[in-house]
Protein backbone atom coordinates (compact mmCIF):
# COMPACT_ATOMS: atom_id res chain seq x y z
CA MET A 1 21.57 -6.88 -15.54
CA ARG A 2 18.47 -5.35 -13.99
CA THR A 3 17.51 -1.90 -15.19
CA ARG A 4 17.80 0.97 -12.73
CA PHE A 5 15.30 3.79 -13.02
CA TYR A 6 15.97 7.41 -12.11
CA GLY A 7 13.31 10.06 -11.69
CA LEU A 8 9.60 9.67 -12.37
CA PRO A 9 7.98 9.47 -15.82
CA GLY A 10 6.07 12.59 -16.79
CA GLN A 11 7.12 14.48 -13.67
CA ASN A 12 7.93 17.77 -15.41
CA ALA A 13 4.80 17.62 -17.56
CA SER A 14 2.65 16.94 -14.48
CA ILE A 15 4.15 19.98 -12.75
CA MET A 16 3.42 22.12 -15.81
CA ALA A 17 -0.17 20.84 -15.98
CA ALA A 18 -0.71 21.79 -12.34
CA LYS A 19 0.83 25.21 -12.92
CA TRP A 20 -1.44 25.98 -15.88
CA SER A 21 -4.46 24.76 -13.92
CA ARG A 22 -3.66 27.22 -11.12
CA ARG A 23 -3.14 30.04 -13.60
CA ARG A 24 -6.48 29.31 -15.24
CA HIS A 25 -8.21 29.43 -11.85
CA VAL A 26 -6.53 32.74 -10.94
CA ALA A 27 -7.44 34.20 -14.34
CA VAL A 28 -11.11 33.25 -14.02
CA VAL A 29 -11.56 34.43 -10.43
CA GLY A 30 -9.44 37.55 -10.83
CA SER A 31 -11.06 38.72 -14.04
CA VAL A 32 -14.59 38.15 -12.69
CA LEU A 33 -13.87 40.16 -9.54
CA ALA A 34 -12.02 42.95 -11.36
CA ALA A 35 -14.60 43.19 -14.15
CA GLY A 36 -17.43 43.26 -11.62
CA ALA A 37 -15.78 46.00 -9.61
CA ALA A 38 -15.19 48.07 -12.75
CA MET A 39 -18.82 47.78 -13.83
CA VAL A 40 -20.11 48.67 -10.37
CA ALA A 41 -17.94 51.79 -10.56
CA GLY A 42 -19.56 52.66 -13.89
CA TRP A 43 -16.60 51.70 -16.06
CA THR A 44 -18.50 49.27 -18.25
CA ALA A 45 -16.06 49.31 -21.16
CA VAL A 46 -13.14 48.67 -18.82
CA GLY A 47 -15.04 45.83 -17.17
CA LEU A 48 -15.80 44.21 -20.51
CA LEU A 49 -12.16 44.56 -21.56
CA ILE A 50 -10.96 42.93 -18.33
CA GLY A 51 -13.49 40.12 -18.73
CA ALA A 52 -12.40 39.46 -22.33
CA GLY A 53 -8.74 39.42 -21.34
CA GLY A 54 -9.42 37.04 -18.47
CA TRP A 55 -11.41 34.71 -20.75
CA TRP A 56 -8.59 34.67 -23.31
CA PHE A 57 -5.92 33.88 -20.72
CA ALA A 58 -8.08 31.22 -19.05
CA ARG A 59 -8.70 29.51 -22.40
CA ARG A 60 -4.99 29.63 -23.25
CA SER A 61 -4.10 28.18 -19.84
CA HIS A 62 -6.67 25.40 -20.29
CA HIS A 63 -5.19 24.33 -23.63
CA ARG A 64 -1.67 24.31 -22.20
CA ARG A 65 -2.81 22.31 -19.18
CA VAL A 66 -4.45 19.73 -21.45
CA ARG A 67 -1.29 19.45 -23.57
CA ALA A 68 0.95 19.07 -20.52
CA ALA A 69 -1.35 16.45 -18.96
CA ALA A 70 -1.33 14.50 -22.23
CA GLY A 71 2.46 14.61 -22.23
CA ALA A 72 2.63 13.27 -18.68
CA SER A 73 0.24 10.47 -19.56
CA ALA A 74 2.24 9.58 -22.68
CA GLU A 75 5.51 9.36 -20.74
CA ALA A 76 3.89 7.19 -18.06
CA GLN A 77 2.45 4.89 -20.73
CA THR A 78 5.83 4.57 -22.45
CA ALA A 79 7.62 3.89 -19.17
CA THR A 80 5.63 0.69 -18.61
CA PHE A 81 7.40 -0.91 -21.58
CA LEU A 82 10.95 0.01 -20.63
CA LYS A 83 11.66 -2.93 -18.37
CA ARG A 84 11.91 -5.03 -21.54
CA ALA A 85 14.49 -2.73 -23.12
CA ARG A 86 17.34 -4.36 -21.14
CA ALA A 87 19.12 -1.05 -20.66
CA GLU A 88 21.37 -0.70 -17.63
CA ALA A 89 19.75 2.60 -16.66
CA VAL A 90 16.71 4.64 -17.65
CA LEU A 91 16.33 8.28 -16.62
CA PHE A 92 13.17 10.39 -16.91
CA ASP A 93 12.99 14.15 -17.55
CA VAL A 94 16.69 14.86 -17.79
CA GLY A 95 17.40 18.60 -17.70
CA LEU A 96 19.45 19.96 -20.61
CA GLY A 97 19.82 23.63 -19.80
CA ASP A 98 16.71 25.48 -20.97
CA THR A 99 14.98 22.28 -22.07
CA ASP A 100 14.85 18.59 -21.17
CA VAL A 101 14.60 15.16 -22.74
CA ASP A 102 11.73 12.86 -21.77
CA ILE A 103 13.66 9.60 -21.44
CA VAL A 104 17.34 8.63 -21.56
CA ALA A 105 18.38 4.96 -21.89
CA LEU A 106 22.01 4.06 -21.17
CA GLY A 107 23.99 0.84 -21.39
CA PRO A 108 24.99 -0.74 -23.66
CA ILE A 109 22.99 1.56 -25.94
CA ALA A 110 22.71 5.33 -25.53
CA ALA A 111 19.45 6.96 -26.59
CA ALA A 112 17.58 10.23 -26.09
CA ILE A 113 13.84 9.62 -26.44
CA GLU A 114 11.18 12.24 -27.10
CA VAL A 115 7.66 11.00 -26.33
CA LYS A 116 4.53 12.26 -28.11
CA ARG A 117 0.93 11.15 -27.52
CA ALA A 118 -0.73 10.36 -30.85
CA ALA A 119 -2.27 7.45 -32.72
CA GLY A 120 -2.42 6.24 -36.30
CA ARG A 121 -0.03 5.93 -39.20
CA VAL A 122 2.94 8.25 -39.00
CA ARG A 123 4.48 10.50 -41.63
CA VAL A 124 7.81 12.24 -41.03
CA ARG A 125 8.54 15.29 -43.17
CA PRO A 126 12.02 16.46 -44.20
CA ASP A 127 11.75 19.46 -41.86
CA GLY A 128 11.43 17.11 -38.87
CA SER A 129 7.71 17.57 -38.30
CA ILE A 130 5.56 14.48 -37.73
CA SER A 131 1.92 13.71 -38.54
CA ALA A 132 0.04 10.84 -36.90
CA GLY A 133 -3.40 9.78 -38.03
CA GLY A 134 -3.52 12.82 -40.32
CA ARG A 135 -2.86 15.25 -37.45
CA ARG A 136 0.35 17.23 -37.29
CA LEU A 137 2.07 17.05 -33.92
CA PRO A 138 3.22 20.29 -32.27
CA GLY A 139 6.75 21.41 -33.04
CA ARG A 140 9.27 19.30 -34.87
CA PRO A 141 9.74 16.17 -32.75
CA SER A 142 12.47 14.66 -34.92
CA ARG A 143 14.61 17.77 -34.64
CA GLN A 144 13.81 17.94 -30.92
CA ALA A 145 15.22 14.44 -30.47
CA ILE A 146 18.32 15.28 -32.52
CA ALA A 147 18.97 18.45 -30.52
CA ALA A 148 18.40 16.60 -27.24
CA SER A 149 20.84 13.85 -28.23
CA ALA A 150 23.52 16.42 -29.05
CA ARG A 151 23.01 18.28 -25.78
CA LEU A 152 23.01 15.05 -23.80
CA ALA A 153 26.26 13.98 -25.44
CA GLY A 154 27.80 17.28 -24.35
CA LEU A 155 26.42 16.89 -20.83
CA LEU A 156 27.80 13.37 -20.46
CA ASP A 157 31.16 14.52 -21.85
CA ALA A 158 32.18 10.91 -22.47
CA GLY A 159 32.68 10.93 -26.23
CA VAL A 160 29.50 8.86 -26.68
CA TRP A 161 27.15 9.06 -29.67
CA ILE A 162 23.54 9.39 -28.51
CA ASP A 163 20.90 7.92 -30.82
CA PRO A 164 17.78 10.12 -31.19
CA VAL A 165 14.41 8.34 -30.94
CA VAL A 166 10.86 9.67 -31.19
CA CYS A 167 8.20 7.53 -29.52
CA VAL A 168 4.67 8.17 -30.85
CA THR A 169 2.68 6.27 -28.23
CA ASP A 170 0.04 4.56 -30.39
CA MET A 171 1.69 4.69 -33.78
CA VAL A 172 0.39 2.16 -36.29
CA GLY A 173 2.94 0.28 -38.37
CA ARG A 174 6.55 -0.75 -38.09
CA PRO A 175 9.27 1.52 -36.66
CA LYS A 176 10.81 3.98 -39.12
CA ARG A 177 14.50 4.81 -39.34
CA LEU A 178 15.19 7.80 -41.53
CA GLN A 179 17.40 10.82 -42.06
CA VAL A 180 16.34 14.26 -40.85
CA ALA A 181 18.75 17.14 -41.46
CA GLY A 182 21.45 14.59 -42.20
CA GLN A 183 20.97 12.78 -38.87
CA PRO A 184 19.50 9.29 -38.35
CA VAL A 185 16.29 9.26 -36.31
CA THR A 186 14.10 6.33 -35.29
CA VAL A 187 10.33 6.77 -34.89
CA CYS A 188 8.32 4.02 -33.20
CA ALA A 189 5.30 3.16 -31.05
CA ALA A 190 5.58 2.76 -27.28
CA ALA A 191 5.04 -0.99 -27.55
CA SER A 192 7.87 -1.24 -30.10
CA LEU A 193 10.33 0.87 -28.09
CA PRO A 194 12.01 -2.01 -26.19
CA ARG A 195 12.75 -3.85 -29.43
CA VAL A 196 14.00 -0.66 -31.09
CA LEU A 197 16.35 0.07 -28.19
CA ARG A 198 17.69 -3.49 -28.13
CA LYS A 199 18.57 -3.19 -31.83
CA LEU A 200 20.45 0.10 -31.52
CA PRO A 201 24.25 -0.03 -31.91
CA ARG A 202 26.26 -0.74 -28.78
CA ARG A 203 27.68 2.56 -27.58
CA LEU A 204 28.89 1.74 -24.06
CA GLU A 205 30.85 -0.96 -22.29
CA ARG A 206 29.27 -3.08 -19.58
CA GLY A 207 28.63 -1.03 -16.45
CA GLU A 208 29.36 2.27 -18.17
CA GLY A 209 25.67 3.10 -18.60
CA ARG A 210 24.99 2.87 -14.87
CA ALA A 211 28.08 4.93 -14.08
CA LEU A 212 26.96 7.71 -16.42
CA ALA A 213 23.43 7.56 -15.01
CA GLU A 214 24.76 7.91 -11.47
CA ASN A 215 26.75 10.97 -12.56
CA LEU A 216 23.60 12.54 -13.96
CA ALA A 217 21.56 11.59 -10.89
CA ASN A 218 24.17 13.10 -8.56
CA GLY A 219 24.20 16.34 -10.52
CA PRO A 220 22.30 19.57 -9.78
CA ASP A 221 18.87 18.18 -10.75
CA PRO A 222 17.26 16.77 -7.55
CA SER A 223 14.36 15.19 -9.49
CA LEU A 224 16.71 12.49 -10.81
CA ARG A 225 16.84 10.59 -7.55
CA ARG A 226 16.65 6.87 -8.14
CA SER A 227 13.06 5.66 -8.23
CA ARG A 228 11.55 2.30 -7.46
CA PRO A 229 11.46 -0.21 -10.33
CA LEU A 230 8.40 0.19 -12.57
């Protein structure tokens, strides 16, 4: 059965990157104009304060833009491998209330996949944090994937267990399956993801994955329109 794809990989992250880029531009231009006006008026201290605040916000916006752009790139890279996963349906950026999950694969497996851009050997700590190549990744990706799988199961409301997966794009070594907070989590590289998904337990009957994907795509999130095959 040919995989159907819904949404676009990295769409939410790309939107966030563009938003932070605009905010950085506004911060730079606005602070320069306001600081200049204050100094011309003789309020040197105020002008310096405005300039420092604008610099801080612009720097913060730049870092967030870079992180969001890296996330979008990681999701796009991972998506290129998903045709080999043999899932009935793959959805990108599925909204889960105040958060989302990067990738959902349905039929006959059911998986919620968090994608992180990093390279090197991976270490997963008991608290759910992950280090790759000696660098600790932001947040706790393992716990993120567990929380996303639980929320997705509630959203689907089909009594289906969702397997949490963390994809570290350029991870070195074999996939890891371990327990975090009493829950099984799989951590793998993007190139290994299709094989990992094919080996997950069967959670759905034939055709059920597509039906659930259609329900999600026809929900309130317009970004989950069906996309062209990758």
